[in-house]
Amino acid sequence: MESEDIPASNEAPVPRWLITVYIVLPLLGLITWYYFWNGSTGWFDRGYWQELQEAANTTFPHQ
C-alpha cells in the first residue's frame, strides 16, 4: 500500500540544504584546523584579551 504522493527514493532529489551542509562543514573544519594548528593566536588567544582588559582597566580585581 504505497502512497502515490511520496516518490520512490531513487526519484527524490537530494535536498539543497544537505548538499550545502556537506560542503560547508568540512570547509569550516579545515579553516578551524588551520587556525589552531600551532595553538591559538590573535583573538582566539587567552592572553590577547588580558592585554586589552588591562589597557581598559576592566580586570578583576582592579589593580
Protein backbone atom coordinates (compact mmCIF):
# COMPACT_ATOMS: atom_id res chain seq x y z
CA MET A 1 0.00 0.00 0.00
CA GLU A 2 2.32 2.71 -1.21
CA SER A 3 1.09 6.25 -1.28
CA GLU A 4 1.01 7.98 -4.64
CA ASP A 5 2.13 11.28 -3.05
CA ILE A 6 5.55 10.07 -1.92
CA PRO A 7 8.04 9.42 -4.73
CA ALA A 8 10.30 6.39 -4.64
CA SER A 9 13.71 7.02 -3.08
CA ASN A 10 15.52 6.80 -6.41
CA GLU A 11 13.29 9.55 -7.82
CA ALA A 12 13.61 12.01 -4.94
CA PRO A 13 16.32 14.65 -5.39
CA VAL A 14 18.91 15.33 -2.71
CA PRO A 15 17.87 18.45 -0.73
CA ARG A 16 19.99 21.55 -1.37
CA TRP A 17 20.47 22.19 2.36
CA LEU A 18 22.07 18.76 2.70
CA ILE A 19 24.47 19.41 -0.16
CA THR A 20 25.31 22.81 1.36
CA VAL A 21 25.97 21.28 4.79
CA TYR A 22 28.19 18.60 3.25
CA ILE A 23 30.30 21.32 1.62
CA VAL A 24 30.32 23.96 4.39
CA LEU A 25 31.08 21.74 7.41
CA PRO A 26 34.28 20.22 6.01
CA LEU A 27 35.44 23.69 4.92
CA LEU A 28 34.82 25.06 8.41
CA GLY A 29 36.71 22.09 9.82
CA LEU A 30 39.72 22.80 7.60
CA ILE A 31 39.66 26.50 8.47
CA THR A 32 39.47 25.70 12.19
CA TRP A 33 42.28 23.18 11.83
CA TYR A 34 44.45 25.80 10.11
CA TYR A 35 43.85 28.45 12.81
CA PHE A 36 44.50 26.12 15.75
CA TRP A 37 47.32 24.03 14.23
CA ASN A 38 50.07 25.57 16.40
CA GLY A 39 47.85 26.76 19.21
CA SER A 40 45.54 29.72 19.32
CA THR A 41 46.67 33.12 18.08
CA GLY A 42 45.12 36.54 17.75
CA TRP A 43 41.62 36.91 19.14
CA PHE A 44 41.49 33.20 19.94
CA ASP A 45 44.42 33.53 22.34
CA ARG A 46 43.56 33.99 26.02
CA GLY A 47 46.44 36.39 26.59
CA TYR A 48 45.19 38.70 23.84
CA TRP A 49 42.09 39.65 25.80
CA GLN A 50 44.09 40.01 29.03
CA GLU A 51 46.15 42.79 27.46
CA LEU A 52 43.02 44.60 26.31
CA GLN A 53 41.41 44.26 29.72
CA GLU A 54 44.46 45.72 31.44
CA ALA A 55 44.54 48.64 28.98
CA ALA A 56 40.86 49.36 29.63
CA ASN A 57 41.18 48.85 33.41
CA THR A 58 38.47 46.19 33.37
CA THR A 59 40.41 43.40 35.09
CA PHE A 60 39.20 41.92 38.35
CA PRO A 61 40.41 42.71 40.94
CA HIS A 62 41.29 46.23 39.85
CA GLN A 63 44.97 46.90 40.22
